[in-house]
Amino acid sequence: MSEKDEDKNKVNGPSADYQKQEIRFFNSFEEMNKADAKEMAAFSPVQHLQHITEYLKHVFAKELQDKAKDMNIHFKKTDWFIEQ
């Protein structure tokens, strides 16, 4: 794919977190995986941790909000628990 064709396949959109966001089209899954791996390799370990932390906060927002009200630690009794 020529550089001119690649530019036609990119769409830039607004971003609230100021990261480069675009829609890319690939000719194969292999090409997509290589591009994803190259992009992820550019991040530092700290950036990876920041991204996963933000992602987890987003995915578990409701659970985190509910748990914030109860500051106690709760243990559930399981089948394998042996009382002494």
Foldseek 3Di string as FASTA:
>chain_A
DDPVVQVVQWDFDDDPVPDTDIGGDDPDVVVVVVVVVVVVVPDDPVVVVVVVVVVVCVVCVVVVVVCVVPPDDDDDDDPPDDDD
